[in-house]
Amino acid sequence: MENVTLDPGMDEGVKYLGYVDKYDDNLLYIENLALENRQSIQGIFNNYPYFANCVGILYLTLLYFGRKWMESRPAYSLRLPLIAWNALLAAFSIVGFVRSIDIMYYSITKYSW
């Protein structure tokens, strides 16, 4: 990791991170990326106005026929897959929290509300 100069007014609790100065550039990049993605998704719906309706109709059709198809079939035993799914989801959430709490703390302390 390269050496970075830290803001002298920065809280002592954040200085140990060593890469917090890069957050400003990363946050700007993330904001621009989110704006581009939002515009591209809006572009799909603007260029193809019936796209959302087609997706909704397809979803409702699959939902209806899926229920009809499953009426005559035995129920799946999903206890173990659901336990594994919930454990992985919990682990992913914990890792995401741990990875993002320092960025959130830095943003709140530097930029406030």
C-alpha atoms as a PDB file:
ATOM      1  CA  MET A   1       0.000   0.000   0.000  1.00  0.00           C
ATOM      2  CA  GLU A   2       1.367   3.409  -0.905  1.00  0.00           C
ATOM      3  CA  ASN A   3       1.911   6.122   1.672  1.00  0.00           C
ATOM      4  CA  VAL A   4      -0.783   8.748   1.815  1.00  0.00           C
ATOM      5  CA  THR A   5      -0.905  12.029   3.653  1.00  0.00           C
ATOM      6  CA  LEU A   6      -3.714  12.261   6.112  1.00  0.00           C
ATOM      7  CA  ASP A   7      -5.802  15.318   6.839  1.00  0.00           C
ATOM      8  CA  PRO A   8      -4.370  16.855  10.047  1.00  0.00           C
ATOM      9  CA  GLY A   9      -7.894  17.635  11.234  1.00  0.00           C
ATOM     10  CA  MET A  10      -9.011  14.040  10.799  1.00  0.00           C
ATOM     11  CA  ASP A  11     -10.288  12.171  13.812  1.00  0.00           C
ATOM     12  CA  GLU A  12      -7.708   9.874  15.434  1.00  0.00           C
ATOM     13  CA  GLY A  13     -10.080   6.923  15.150  1.00  0.00           C
ATOM     14  CA  VAL A  14      -9.935   7.092  11.350  1.00  0.00           C
ATOM     15  CA  LYS A  15      -6.188   7.636  10.886  1.00  0.00           C
ATOM     16  CA  TYR A  16      -5.320   3.976  11.447  1.00  0.00           C
ATOM     17  CA  LEU A  17      -6.967   3.049   8.159  1.00  0.00           C
ATOM     18  CA  GLY A  18      -4.138   4.539   6.101  1.00  0.00           C
ATOM     19  CA  TYR A  19      -6.184   4.871   2.914  1.00  0.00           C
ATOM     20  CA  VAL A  20      -8.984   7.188   3.918  1.00  0.00           C
ATOM     21  CA  ASP A  21      -7.851  10.045   1.646  1.00  0.00           C
ATOM     22  CA  LYS A  22      -8.700   7.847  -1.302  1.00  0.00           C
ATOM     23  CA  TYR A  23     -12.344   7.700  -0.131  1.00  0.00           C
ATOM     24  CA  ASP A  24     -13.139  11.098  -1.615  1.00  0.00           C
ATOM     25  CA  ASP A  25     -12.160   9.941  -5.105  1.00  0.00           C
ATOM     26  CA  ASN A  26     -13.878   6.580  -4.621  1.00  0.00           C
ATOM     27  CA  LEU A  27     -17.109   8.176  -3.422  1.00  0.00           C
ATOM     28  CA  LEU A  28     -17.140  10.506  -6.430  1.00  0.00           C
ATOM     29  CA  TYR A  29     -16.531   7.528  -8.745  1.00  0.00           C
ATOM     30  CA  ILE A  30     -19.340   5.545  -7.108  1.00  0.00           C
ATOM     31  CA  GLU A  31     -21.753   8.499  -7.407  1.00  0.00           C
ATOM     32  CA  ASN A  32     -20.919   8.916 -11.101  1.00  0.00           C
ATOM     33  CA  LEU A  33     -21.244   5.185 -11.727  1.00  0.00           C
ATOM     34  CA  ALA A  34     -24.634   5.109  -9.996  1.00  0.00           C
ATOM     35  CA  LEU A  35     -25.807   8.047 -12.112  1.00  0.00           C
ATOM     36  CA  GLU A  36     -24.645   6.348 -15.327  1.00  0.00           C
ATOM     37  CA  ASN A  37     -26.366   3.092 -14.370  1.00  0.00           C
ATOM     38  CA  ARG A  38     -29.572   4.917 -13.481  1.00  0.00           C
ATOM     39  CA  GLN A  39     -29.519   6.757 -16.804  1.00  0.00           C
ATOM     40  CA  SER A  40     -28.872   3.559 -18.755  1.00  0.00           C
ATOM     41  CA  ILE A  41     -31.765   1.769 -17.032  1.00  0.00           C
ATOM     42  CA  GLN A  42     -34.030   4.739 -17.666  1.00  0.00           C
ATOM     43  CA  GLY A  43     -32.857   4.677 -21.273  1.00  0.00           C
ATOM     44  CA  ILE A  44     -34.058   1.089 -21.646  1.00  0.00           C
ATOM     45  CA  PHE A  45     -37.516   2.034 -20.457  1.00  0.00           C
ATOM     46  CA  ASN A  46     -37.565   5.216 -22.544  1.00  0.00           C
ATOM     47  CA  ASN A  47     -36.390   3.467 -25.723  1.00  0.00           C
ATOM     48  CA  TYR A  48     -38.582   0.400 -25.193  1.00  0.00           C
ATOM     49  CA  PRO A  49     -41.742   1.624 -23.453  1.00  0.00           C
ATOM     50  CA  TYR A  50     -43.410  -1.805 -23.425  1.00  0.00           C
ATOM     51  CA  PHE A  51     -40.410  -3.577 -21.892  1.00  0.00           C
ATOM     52  CA  ALA A  52     -41.629  -3.234 -18.287  1.00  0.00           C
ATOM     53  CA  ASN A  53     -45.113  -4.407 -19.236  1.00  0.00           C
ATOM     54  CA  CYS A  54     -43.715  -7.446 -21.051  1.00  0.00           C
ATOM     55  CA  VAL A  55     -41.515  -8.369 -18.092  1.00  0.00           C
ATOM     56  CA  GLY A  56     -44.468  -7.978 -15.713  1.00  0.00           C
ATOM     57  CA  ILE A  57     -46.775 -10.093 -17.885  1.00  0.00           C
ATOM     58  CA  LEU A  58     -44.082 -12.764 -18.246  1.00  0.00           C
ATOM     59  CA  TYR A  59     -43.588 -12.831 -14.479  1.00  0.00           C
ATOM     60  CA  LEU A  60     -47.316 -13.169 -13.758  1.00  0.00           C
ATOM     61  CA  THR A  61     -47.662 -15.883 -16.408  1.00  0.00           C
ATOM     62  CA  LEU A  62     -44.773 -17.890 -14.966  1.00  0.00           C
ATOM     63  CA  LEU A  63     -46.177 -17.415 -11.482  1.00  0.00           C
ATOM     64  CA  TYR A  64     -49.608 -18.713 -12.503  1.00  0.00           C
ATOM     65  CA  PHE A  65     -48.386 -21.698 -14.512  1.00  0.00           C
ATOM     66  CA  GLY A  66     -45.673 -22.499 -11.979  1.00  0.00           C
ATOM     67  CA  ARG A  67     -48.263 -22.830  -9.247  1.00  0.00           C
ATOM     68  CA  LYS A  68     -50.436 -25.012 -11.488  1.00  0.00           C
ATOM     69  CA  TRP A  69     -47.453 -27.215 -12.354  1.00  0.00           C
ATOM     70  CA  MET A  70     -46.459 -27.633  -8.689  1.00  0.00           C
ATOM     71  CA  GLU A  71     -49.971 -28.586  -7.493  1.00  0.00           C
ATOM     72  CA  SER A  72     -49.573 -32.199  -8.600  1.00  0.00           C
ATOM     73  CA  ARG A  73     -45.935 -32.550  -7.517  1.00  0.00           C
ATOM     74  CA  PRO A  74     -44.634 -33.476  -4.061  1.00  0.00           C
ATOM     75  CA  ALA A  75     -43.205 -30.677  -1.942  1.00  0.00           C
ATOM     76  CA  TYR A  76     -39.453 -30.140  -2.020  1.00  0.00           C
ATOM     77  CA  SER A  77     -37.457 -30.625   1.156  1.00  0.00           C
ATOM     78  CA  LEU A  78     -35.707 -27.279   1.366  1.00  0.00           C
ATOM     79  CA  ARG A  79     -34.731 -27.151   5.026  1.00  0.00           C
ATOM     80  CA  LEU A  80     -30.976 -27.659   4.530  1.00  0.00           C
ATOM     81  CA  PRO A  81     -30.660 -25.433   1.441  1.00  0.00           C
ATOM     82  CA  LEU A  82     -32.528 -22.652   3.271  1.00  0.00           C
ATOM     83  CA  ILE A  83     -30.272 -22.992   6.309  1.00  0.00           C
ATOM     84  CA  ALA A  84     -27.206 -22.773   4.056  1.00  0.00           C
ATOM     85  CA  TRP A  85     -28.683 -19.799   2.155  1.00  0.00           C
ATOM     86  CA  ASN A  86     -29.462 -17.909   5.372  1.00  0.00           C
ATOM     87  CA  ALA A  87     -26.005 -18.635   6.806  1.00  0.00           C
ATOM     88  CA  LEU A  88     -24.281 -17.390   3.647  1.00  0.00           C
ATOM     89  CA  LEU A  89     -26.529 -14.331   3.511  1.00  0.00           C
ATOM     90  CA  ALA A  90     -25.752 -13.525   7.144  1.00  0.00           C
ATOM     91  CA  ALA A  91     -22.005 -13.950   6.534  1.00  0.00           C
ATOM     92  CA  PHE A  92     -22.177 -11.742   3.439  1.00  0.00           C
ATOM     93  CA  SER A  93     -24.065  -9.074   5.387  1.00  0.00           C
ATOM     94  CA  ILE A  94     -21.533  -9.129   8.211  1.00  0.00           C
ATOM     95  CA  VAL A  95     -18.598  -8.853   5.800  1.00  0.00           C
ATOM     96  CA  GLY A  96     -20.337  -6.011   3.956  1.00  0.00           C
ATOM     97  CA  PHE A  97     -20.952  -4.185   7.221  1.00  0.00           C
ATOM     98  CA  VAL A  98     -17.350  -4.608   8.378  1.00  0.00           C
ATOM     99  CA  ARG A  99     -16.002  -3.441   4.993  1.00  0.00           C
ATOM    100  CA  SER A 100     -18.248  -0.372   4.784  1.00  0.00           C
ATOM    101  CA  ILE A 101     -18.461   0.882   8.370  1.00  0.00           C
ATOM    102  CA  ASP A 102     -15.134   2.719   8.140  1.00  0.00           C
ATOM    103  CA  ILE A 103     -16.196   4.486   4.938  1.00  0.00           C
ATOM    104  CA  MET A 104     -19.493   5.468   6.508  1.00  0.00           C
ATOM    105  CA  TYR A 105     -17.764   6.725   9.662  1.00  0.00           C
ATOM    106  CA  TYR A 106     -15.294   8.745   7.601  1.00  0.00           C
ATOM    107  CA  SER A 107     -18.056  10.250   5.458  1.00  0.00           C
ATOM    108  CA  ILE A 108     -20.198  11.196   8.445  1.00  0.00           C
ATOM    109  CA  THR A 109     -17.334  12.692  10.428  1.00  0.00           C
ATOM    110  CA  LYS A 110     -15.853  14.599   7.493  1.00  0.00           C
ATOM    111  CA  TYR A 111     -19.007  15.771   5.723  1.00  0.00           C
ATOM    112  CA  SER A 112     -21.572  15.493   8.534  1.00  0.00           C
ATOM    113  CA  TRP A 113     -25.227  15.548   7.503  1.00  0.00           C
END
